[in-house]
PDB file of N, CA and C in Angstrom:
ATOM      1  N   UNK A   1       0.847  -1.177   0.000  1.00  0.00           N
ATOM      2  CA  UNK A   1       0.000   0.000   0.000  1.00  0.00           C
ATOM      3  C   UNK A   1       0.895   1.243   0.000  1.00  0.00           C
ATOM      4  N   UNK A   2       0.629   2.153  -0.903  1.00  0.00           N
ATOM      5  CA  UNK A   2       1.395   3.401  -0.996  1.00  0.00           C
ATOM      6  C   UNK A   2       1.038   4.316   0.174  1.00  0.00           C
ATOM      7  N   UNK A   3       2.051   5.027   0.674  1.00  0.00           N
ATOM      8  CA  UNK A   3       1.891   5.902   1.837  1.00  0.00           C
ATOM      9  C   UNK A   3       2.000   7.365   1.411  1.00  0.00           C
ATOM     10  N   UNK A   4       1.056   8.180   1.896  1.00  0.00           N
ATOM     11  CA  UNK A   4       1.049   9.610   1.589  1.00  0.00           C
ATOM     12  C   UNK A   4       1.005  10.406   2.889  1.00  0.00           C
ATOM     13  N   UNK A   5       1.929  11.345   3.012  1.00  0.00           N
ATOM     14  CA  UNK A   5       1.935  12.267   4.138  1.00  0.00           C
ATOM     15  C   UNK A   5       1.277  13.565   3.696  1.00  0.00           C
ATOM     16  N   UNK A   6       0.235  13.966   4.404  1.00  0.00           N
ATOM     17  CA  UNK A   6      -0.479  15.213   4.124  1.00  0.00           C
ATOM     18  C   UNK A   6      -0.010  16.236   5.155  1.00  0.00           C
ATOM     19  N   UNK A   7       0.609  17.309   4.683  1.00  0.00           N
ATOM     20  CA  UNK A   7       1.081  18.366   5.573  1.00  0.00           C
ATOM     21  C   UNK A   7       0.184  19.573   5.336  1.00  0.00           C
ATOM     22  N   UNK A   8      -0.744  19.778   6.271  1.00  0.00           N
ATOM     23  CA  UNK A   8      -1.784  20.793   6.096  1.00  0.00           C
ATOM     24  C   UNK A   8      -2.251  21.267   7.470  1.00  0.00           C
ATOM     25  N   UNK A   9      -2.234  22.577   7.699  1.00  0.00           N
ATOM     26  CA  UNK A   9      -2.654  23.110   8.998  1.00  0.00           C
ATOM     27  C   UNK A   9      -4.170  23.281   9.118  1.00  0.00           C
ATOM     28  N   UNK A  10      -4.898  23.234   8.027  1.00  0.00           N
ATOM     29  CA  UNK A  10      -6.357  23.290   8.061  1.00  0.00           C
ATOM     30  C   UNK A  10      -6.864  21.862   8.294  1.00  0.00           C
ATOM     31  N   UNK A  11      -7.322  21.585   9.510  1.00  0.00           N
ATOM     32  CA  UNK A  11      -7.680  20.216   9.872  1.00  0.00           C
ATOM     33  C   UNK A  11      -8.824  19.649   9.031  1.00  0.00           C
ATOM     34  N   UNK A  12      -9.777  20.476   8.647  1.00  0.00           N
ATOM     35  CA  UNK A  12     -10.891  19.993   7.823  1.00  0.00           C
ATOM     36  C   UNK A  12     -10.404  19.588   6.437  1.00  0.00           C
ATOM     37  N   UNK A  13      -9.538  20.390   5.855  1.00  0.00           N
ATOM     38  CA  UNK A  13      -8.987  20.077   4.539  1.00  0.00           C
ATOM     39  C   UNK A  13      -8.111  18.829   4.603  1.00  0.00           C
ATOM     40  N   UNK A  14      -7.290  18.734   5.634  1.00  0.00           N
ATOM     41  CA  UNK A  14      -6.417  17.567   5.793  1.00  0.00           C
ATOM     42  C   UNK A  14      -7.237  16.283   5.931  1.00  0.00           C
ATOM     43  N   UNK A  15      -8.277  16.331   6.744  1.00  0.00           N
ATOM     44  CA  UNK A  15      -9.124  15.157   6.937  1.00  0.00           C
ATOM     45  C   UNK A  15      -9.850  14.785   5.652  1.00  0.00           C
ATOM     46  N   UNK A  16     -10.325  15.788   4.929  1.00  0.00           N
ATOM     47  CA  UNK A  16     -11.008  15.539   3.658  1.00  0.00           C
ATOM     48  C   UNK A  16     -10.071  14.849   2.660  1.00  0.00           C
ATOM     49  N   UNK A  17      -8.855  15.367   2.550  1.00  0.00           N
ATOM     50  CA  UNK A  17      -7.870  14.738   1.655  1.00  0.00           C
ATOM     51  C   UNK A  17      -7.584  13.308   2.093  1.00  0.00           C
ATOM     52  N   UNK A  18      -7.412  13.114   3.399  1.00  0.00           N
ATOM     53  CA  UNK A  18      -7.108  11.789   3.926  1.00  0.00           C
ATOM     54  C   UNK A  18      -8.222  10.793   3.610  1.00  0.00           C
ATOM     55  N   UNK A  19      -9.455  11.188   3.834  1.00  0.00           N
ATOM     56  CA  UNK A  19     -10.597  10.303   3.572  1.00  0.00           C
ATOM     57  C   UNK A  19     -10.641   9.918   2.091  1.00  0.00           C
ATOM     58  N   UNK A  20     -10.463  10.894   1.222  1.00  0.00           N
ATOM     59  CA  UNK A  20     -10.514  10.612  -0.223  1.00  0.00           C
ATOM     60  C   UNK A  20      -9.371   9.693  -0.664  1.00  0.00           C
ATOM     61  N   UNK A  21      -8.183   9.948  -0.131  1.00  0.00           N
ATOM     62  CA  UNK A  21      -7.035   9.114  -0.502  1.00  0.00           C
ATOM     63  C   UNK A  21      -7.174   7.698   0.051  1.00  0.00           C
ATOM     64  N   UNK A  22      -7.672   7.561   1.268  1.00  0.00           N
ATOM     65  CA  UNK A  22      -7.889   6.227   1.840  1.00  0.00           C
ATOM     66  C   UNK A  22      -8.912   5.452   1.029  1.00  0.00           C
ATOM     67  N   UNK A  23      -9.942   6.150   0.545  1.00  0.00           N
ATOM     68  CA  UNK A  23     -10.962   5.500  -0.281  1.00  0.00           C
ATOM     69  C   UNK A  23     -10.374   4.964  -1.579  1.00  0.00           C
ATOM     70  N   UNK A  24      -9.254   5.551  -2.001  1.00  0.00           N
ATOM     71  CA  UNK A  24      -8.571   5.090  -3.217  1.00  0.00           C
ATOM     72  C   UNK A  24      -7.467   4.085  -2.915  1.00  0.00           C
ATOM     73  N   UNK A  25      -7.355   3.659  -1.661  1.00  0.00           N
ATOM     74  CA  UNK A  25      -6.422   2.597  -1.314  1.00  0.00           C
ATOM     75  C   UNK A  25      -5.072   3.035  -0.776  1.00  0.00           C
ATOM     76  N   UNK A  26      -4.905   4.314  -0.449  1.00  0.00           N
ATOM     77  CA  UNK A  26      -3.642   4.805   0.102  1.00  0.00           C
ATOM     78  C   UNK A  26      -3.687   4.831   1.625  1.00  0.00           C
ATOM     79  N   UNK A  27      -2.543   4.644   2.234  1.00  0.00           N
ATOM     80  CA  UNK A  27      -2.393   4.871   3.670  1.00  0.00           C
ATOM     81  C   UNK A  27      -1.969   6.319   3.839  1.00  0.00           C
ATOM     82  N   UNK A  28      -2.555   7.019   4.812  1.00  0.00           N
ATOM     83  CA  UNK A  28      -2.248   8.434   4.968  1.00  0.00           C
ATOM     84  C   UNK A  28      -1.847   8.772   6.402  1.00  0.00           C
ATOM     85  N   UNK A  29      -1.037   9.796   6.513  1.00  0.00           N
ATOM     86  CA  UNK A  29      -0.658  10.412   7.776  1.00  0.00           C
ATOM     87  C   UNK A  29      -0.873  11.898   7.604  1.00  0.00           C
ATOM     88  N   UNK A  30      -1.228  12.579   8.687  1.00  0.00           N
ATOM     89  CA  UNK A  30      -1.449  14.018   8.650  1.00  0.00           C
ATOM     90  C   UNK A  30      -0.492  14.697   9.619  1.00  0.00           C
ATOM     91  N   UNK A  31       0.138  15.781   9.147  1.00  0.00           N
ATOM     92  CA  UNK A  31       0.986  16.620   9.994  1.00  0.00           C
ATOM     93  C   UNK A  31       0.478  18.048   9.854  1.00  0.00           C
ATOM     94  N   UNK A  32       0.290  18.734  10.990  1.00  0.00           N
ATOM     95  CA  UNK A  32      -0.283  20.078  10.967  1.00  0.00           C
ATOM     96  C   UNK A  32       0.762  21.182  10.915  1.00  0.00           C
ATOM     97  N   UNK A  33       2.039  20.829  11.061  1.00  0.00           N
ATOM     98  CA  UNK A  33       3.077  21.856  10.963  1.00  0.00           C
ATOM     99  C   UNK A  33       4.374  21.240  10.442  1.00  0.00           C
ATOM    100  N   UNK A  34       5.349  22.091  10.184  1.00  0.00           N
ATOM    101  CA  UNK A  34       6.601  21.644   9.589  1.00  0.00           C
ATOM    102  C   UNK A  34       7.401  20.698  10.462  1.00  0.00           C
ATOM    103  N   UNK A  35       7.412  20.932  11.758  1.00  0.00           N
ATOM    104  CA  UNK A  35       8.186  20.086  12.672  1.00  0.00           C
ATOM    105  C   UNK A  35       7.629  18.672  12.694  1.00  0.00           C
ATOM    106  N   UNK A  36       6.315  18.554  12.838  1.00  0.00           N
ATOM    107  CA  UNK A  36       5.679  17.234  12.830  1.00  0.00           C
ATOM    108  C   UNK A  36       5.847  16.581  11.462  1.00  0.00           C
ATOM    109  N   UNK A  37       5.786  17.366  10.405  1.00  0.00           N
ATOM    110  CA  UNK A  37       5.946  16.836   9.050  1.00  0.00           C
ATOM    111  C   UNK A  37       7.303  16.169   8.877  1.00  0.00           C
ATOM    112  N   UNK A  38       8.349  16.831   9.332  1.00  0.00           N
ATOM    113  CA  UNK A  38       9.693  16.293   9.158  1.00  0.00           C
ATOM    114  C   UNK A  38       9.876  15.018   9.969  1.00  0.00           C
ATOM    115  N   UNK A  39       9.478  15.028  11.225  1.00  0.00           N
ATOM    116  CA  UNK A  39       9.656  13.827  12.058  1.00  0.00           C
ATOM    117  C   UNK A  39       8.808  12.661  11.538  1.00  0.00           C
ATOM    118  N   UNK A  40       7.589  12.964  11.084  1.00  0.00           N
ATOM    119  CA  UNK A  40       6.728  11.901  10.548  1.00  0.00           C
ATOM    120  C   UNK A  40       7.294  11.350   9.244  1.00  0.00           C
ATOM    121  N   UNK A  41       7.761  12.214   8.373  1.00  0.00           N
ATOM    122  CA  UNK A  41       8.305  11.772   7.086  1.00  0.00           C
ATOM    123  C   UNK A  41       9.521  10.869   7.281  1.00  0.00           C
ATOM    124  N   UNK A  42      10.407  11.227   8.189  1.00  0.00           N
ATOM    125  CA  UNK A  42      11.606  10.414   8.427  1.00  0.00           C
ATOM    126  C   UNK A  42      11.213   9.055   9.008  1.00  0.00           C
ATOM    127  N   UNK A  43      10.212   9.039   9.881  1.00  0.00           N
ATOM    128  CA  UNK A  43       9.774   7.793  10.522  1.00  0.00           C
ATOM    129  C   UNK A  43       8.989   6.901   9.562  1.00  0.00           C
ATOM    130  N   UNK A  44       8.037   7.490   8.810  1.00  0.00           N
ATOM    131  CA  UNK A  44       7.116   6.727   7.967  1.00  0.00           C
ATOM    132  C   UNK A  44       7.697   6.409   6.599  1.00  0.00           C
ATOM    133  N   UNK A  45       8.560   7.280   6.089  1.00  0.00           N
ATOM    134  CA  UNK A  45       9.122   7.160   4.739  1.00  0.00           C
ATOM    135  C   UNK A  45       8.002   7.066   3.696  1.00  0.00           C
ATOM    136  N   UNK A  46       7.207   8.130   3.551  1.00  0.00           N
ATOM    137  CA  UNK A  46       6.072   8.096   2.623  1.00  0.00           C
ATOM    138  C   UNK A  46       6.522   8.016   1.164  1.00  0.00           C
ATOM    139  N   UNK A  47       5.617   7.542   0.328  1.00  0.00           N
ATOM    140  CA  UNK A  47       5.880   7.488  -1.111  1.00  0.00           C
ATOM    141  C   UNK A  47       5.630   8.844  -1.771  1.00  0.00           C
ATOM    142  N   UNK A  48       4.847   9.698  -1.094  1.00  0.00           N
ATOM    143  CA  UNK A  48       4.514  11.024  -1.605  1.00  0.00           C
ATOM    144  C   UNK A  48       4.191  11.936  -0.425  1.00  0.00           C
ATOM    145  N   UNK A  49       4.552  13.213  -0.564  1.00  0.00           N
ATOM    146  CA  UNK A  49       4.189  14.213   0.443  1.00  0.00           C
ATOM    147  C   UNK A  49       3.379  15.308  -0.245  1.00  0.00           C
ATOM    148  N   UNK A  50       2.180  15.577   0.288  1.00  0.00           N
ATOM    149  CA  UNK A  50       1.376  16.723  -0.136  1.00  0.00           C
ATOM    150  C   UNK A  50       1.669  17.811   0.894  1.00  0.00           C
ATOM    151  N   UNK A  51       2.299  18.895   0.461  1.00  0.00           N
ATOM    152  CA  UNK A  51       2.849  19.881   1.393  1.00  0.00           C
ATOM    153  C   UNK A  51       2.270  21.268   1.159  1.00  0.00           C
ATOM    154  N   UNK A  52       1.593  21.794   2.176  1.00  0.00           N
ATOM    155  CA  UNK A  52       1.062  23.152   2.133  1.00  0.00           C
ATOM    156  C   UNK A  52       2.235  24.130   2.220  1.00  0.00           C
ATOM    157  N   UNK A  53       2.190  25.180   1.444  1.00  0.00           N
ATOM    158  CA  UNK A  53       3.265  26.179   1.454  1.00  0.00           C
ATOM    159  C   UNK A  53       3.245  26.992   2.746  1.00  0.00           C
ATOM    160  N   UNK A  54       2.049  27.350   3.220  1.00  0.00           N
ATOM    161  CA  UNK A  54       1.920  28.199   4.404  1.00  0.00           C
ATOM    162  C   UNK A  54       1.611  27.343   5.624  1.00  0.00           C
ATOM    163  N   UNK A  55       2.578  27.256   6.573  1.00  0.00           N
ATOM    164  CA  UNK A  55       2.422  26.438   7.768  1.00  0.00           C
ATOM    165  C   UNK A  55       2.736  27.249   9.024  1.00  0.00           C
ATOM    166  N   UNK A  56       2.172  26.856  10.172  1.00  0.00           N
ATOM    167  CA  UNK A  56       2.423  27.592  11.404  1.00  0.00           C
ATOM    168  C   UNK A  56       3.881  27.545  11.872  1.00  0.00           C
ATOM    169  N   UNK A  57       4.518  26.405  11.786  1.00  0.00           N
ATOM    170  CA  UNK A  57       5.907  26.271  12.252  1.00  0.00           C
ATOM    171  C   UNK A  57       6.832  26.110  11.053  1.00  0.00           C
ATOM    172  N   UNK A  58       6.986  27.157  10.265  1.00  0.00           N
ATOM    173  CA  UNK A  58       7.832  27.107   9.078  1.00  0.00           C
ATOM    174  C   UNK A  58       7.017  26.947   7.819  1.00  0.00           C
ATOM    175  N   UNK A  59       7.533  27.472   6.729  1.00  0.00           N
ATOM    176  CA  UNK A  59       6.795  27.328   5.469  1.00  0.00           C
ATOM    177  C   UNK A  59       7.223  26.063   4.733  1.00  0.00           C
ATOM    178  N   UNK A  60       6.470  25.730   3.697  1.00  0.00           N
ATOM    179  CA  UNK A  60       6.732  24.509   2.952  1.00  0.00           C
ATOM    180  C   UNK A  60       8.111  24.449   2.334  1.00  0.00           C
ATOM    181  N   UNK A  61       8.640  25.598   1.913  1.00  0.00           N
ATOM    182  CA  UNK A  61       9.974  25.610   1.305  1.00  0.00           C
ATOM    183  C   UNK A  61      11.053  25.262   2.331  1.00  0.00           C
ATOM    184  N   UNK A  62      10.886  25.738   3.564  1.00  0.00           N
ATOM    185  CA  UNK A  62      11.830  25.395   4.636  1.00  0.00           C
ATOM    186  C   UNK A  62      11.735  23.909   4.975  1.00  0.00           C
ATOM    187  N   UNK A  63      10.532  23.361   4.927  1.00  0.00           N
ATOM    188  CA  UNK A  63      10.344  21.931   5.184  1.00  0.00           C
ATOM    189  C   UNK A  63      11.068  21.115   4.118  1.00  0.00           C
ATOM    190  N   UNK A  64      10.963  21.530   2.866  1.00  0.00           N
ATOM    191  CA  UNK A  64      11.657  20.821   1.786  1.00  0.00           C
ATOM    192  C   UNK A  64      13.166  20.826   2.020  1.00  0.00           C
ATOM    193  N   UNK A  65      13.719  21.956   2.410  1.00  0.00           N
ATOM    194  CA  UNK A  65      15.155  22.031   2.695  1.00  0.00           C
ATOM    195  C   UNK A  65      15.552  21.046   3.782  1.00  0.00           C
ATOM    196  N   UNK A  66      14.733  20.948   4.825  1.00  0.00           N
ATOM    197  CA  UNK A  66      15.016  20.011   5.914  1.00  0.00           C
ATOM    198  C   UNK A  66      14.898  18.557   5.439  1.00  0.00           C
ATOM    199  N   UNK A  67      13.849  18.255   4.673  1.00  0.00           N
ATOM    200  CA  UNK A  67      13.655  16.889   4.190  1.00  0.00           C
ATOM    201  C   UNK A  67      14.807  16.442   3.292  1.00  0.00           C
ATOM    202  N   UNK A  68      15.388  17.372   2.554  1.00  0.00           N
ATOM    203  CA  UNK A  68      16.515  17.032   1.677  1.00  0.00           C
ATOM    204  C   UNK A  68      17.780  16.670   2.451  1.00  0.00           C
ATOM    205  N   UNK A  69      17.815  16.945   3.736  1.00  0.00           N
ATOM    206  CA  UNK A  69      18.984  16.622   4.553  1.00  0.00           C
ATOM    207  C   UNK A  69      18.964  15.185   5.077  1.00  0.00           C
ATOM    208  N   UNK A  70      17.826  14.503   4.946  1.00  0.00           N
ATOM    209  CA  UNK A  70      17.692  13.146   5.461  1.00  0.00           C
ATOM    210  C   UNK A  70      17.669  12.147   4.315  1.00  0.00           C
ATOM    211  N   UNK A  71      18.451  11.099   4.443  1.00  0.00           N
ATOM    212  CA  UNK A  71      18.491  10.059   3.421  1.00  0.00           C
ATOM    213  C   UNK A  71      17.116   9.436   3.198  1.00  0.00           C
ATOM    214  N   UNK A  72      16.331   9.296   4.281  1.00  0.00           N
ATOM    215  CA  UNK A  72      15.017   8.656   4.200  1.00  0.00           C
ATOM    216  C   UNK A  72      14.020   9.447   3.353  1.00  0.00           C
ATOM    217  N   UNK A  73      14.226  10.757   3.230  1.00  0.00           N
ATOM    218  CA  UNK A  73      13.231  11.593   2.550  1.00  0.00           C
ATOM    219  C   UNK A  73      13.786  12.387   1.365  1.00  0.00           C
ATOM    220  N   UNK A  74      15.058  12.280   1.127  1.00  0.00           N
ATOM    221  CA  UNK A  74      15.708  13.071   0.069  1.00  0.00           C
ATOM    222  C   UNK A  74      15.079  12.847  -1.301  1.00  0.00           C
ATOM    223  N   UNK A  75      14.670  11.644  -1.604  1.00  0.00           N
ATOM    224  CA  UNK A  75      14.131  11.304  -2.927  1.00  0.00           C
ATOM    225  C   UNK A  75      12.602  11.251  -2.967  1.00  0.00           C
ATOM    226  N   UNK A  76      11.946  11.593  -1.872  1.00  0.00           N
ATOM    227  CA  UNK A  76      10.487  11.521  -1.814  1.00  0.00           C
ATOM    228  C   UNK A  76       9.853  12.610  -2.675  1.00  0.00           C
ATOM    229  N   UNK A  77       8.958  12.261  -3.578  1.00  0.00           N
ATOM    230  CA  UNK A  77       8.266  13.279  -4.376  1.00  0.00           C
ATOM    231  C   UNK A  77       7.389  14.151  -3.474  1.00  0.00           C
ATOM    232  N   UNK A  78       7.351  15.445  -3.788  1.00  0.00           N
ATOM    233  CA  UNK A  78       6.571  16.406  -3.012  1.00  0.00           C
ATOM    234  C   UNK A  78       5.700  17.214  -3.965  1.00  0.00           C
ATOM    235  N   UNK A  79       4.429  17.332  -3.617  1.00  0.00           N
ATOM    236  CA  UNK A  79       3.516  18.206  -4.339  1.00  0.00           C
ATOM    237  C   UNK A  79       3.175  19.353  -3.404  1.00  0.00           C
ATOM    238  N   UNK A  80       3.510  20.579  -3.815  1.00  0.00           N
ATOM    239  CA  UNK A  80       3.198  21.758  -3.017  1.00  0.00           C
ATOM    240  C   UNK A  80       1.759  22.182  -3.277  1.00  0.00           C
ATOM    241  N   UNK A  81       1.059  22.552  -2.197  1.00  0.00           N
ATOM    242  CA  UNK A  81      -0.313  23.018  -2.299  1.00  0.00           C
ATOM    243  C   UNK A  81      -0.464  24.330  -1.546  1.00  0.00           C
ATOM    244  N   UNK A  82      -1.480  25.097  -1.897  1.00  0.00           N
ATOM    245  CA  UNK A  82      -1.808  26.302  -1.152  1.00  0.00           C
ATOM    246  C   UNK A  82      -3.230  26.738  -1.480  1.00  0.00           C
ATOM    247  N   UNK A  83      -3.848  27.365  -0.497  1.00  0.00           N
ATOM    248  CA  UNK A  83      -5.168  27.958  -0.721  1.00  0.00           C
ATOM    249  C   UNK A  83      -5.030  29.469  -0.933  1.00  0.00           C
ATOM    250  N   UNK A  84      -3.812  29.950  -0.902  1.00  0.00           N
ATOM    251  CA  UNK A  84      -3.551  31.377  -1.048  1.00  0.00           C
ATOM    252  C   UNK A  84      -3.905  31.834  -2.456  1.00  0.00           C
ATOM    253  N   UNK A  85      -4.378  33.059  -2.543  1.00  0.00           N
ATOM    254  CA  UNK A  85      -4.667  33.652  -3.850  1.00  0.00           C
ATOM    255  C   UNK A  85      -3.526  34.533  -4.317  1.00  0.00           C
ATOM    256  N   UNK A  86      -2.428  34.515  -3.586  1.00  0.00           N
ATOM    257  CA  UNK A  86      -1.252  35.326  -3.929  1.00  0.00           C
ATOM    258  C   UNK A  86      -0.587  34.737  -5.180  1.00  0.00           C
ATOM    259  N   UNK A  87      -0.591  35.452  -6.300  1.00  0.00           N
ATOM    260  CA  UNK A  87      -0.009  34.910  -7.543  1.00  0.00           C
ATOM    261  C   UNK A  87       1.505  34.715  -7.449  1.00  0.00           C
ATOM    262  N   UNK A  88       2.157  35.344  -6.489  1.00  0.00           N
ATOM    263  CA  UNK A  88       3.608  35.187  -6.338  1.00  0.00           C
ATOM    264  C   UNK A  88       3.987  33.818  -5.790  1.00  0.00           C
ATOM    265  N   UNK A  89       3.058  33.174  -5.090  1.00  0.00           N
ATOM    266  CA  UNK A  89       3.345  31.841  -4.553  1.00  0.00           C
ATOM    267  C   UNK A  89       3.330  30.806  -5.658  1.00  0.00           C
TER     268      UNK A  89
END
């Protein structure tokens, strides 16, 4: 079973994504901030990370820099997400 880590501070959105992905046969984990995301990713070794750009404890770009420092997560594909309407993001 493929593993997906959802990094999202909006709990309703994270749960919605998790439910939909589980219905499609994926195992999911949810992290609400960058610190939990990094520790969970290193422990779980997900096949994919869905990463919100705007997080309470660090932004998504800082999380990517940290994940690249660990052998367990260096090659993990990451999809960046955001609900922001800022075109610069």
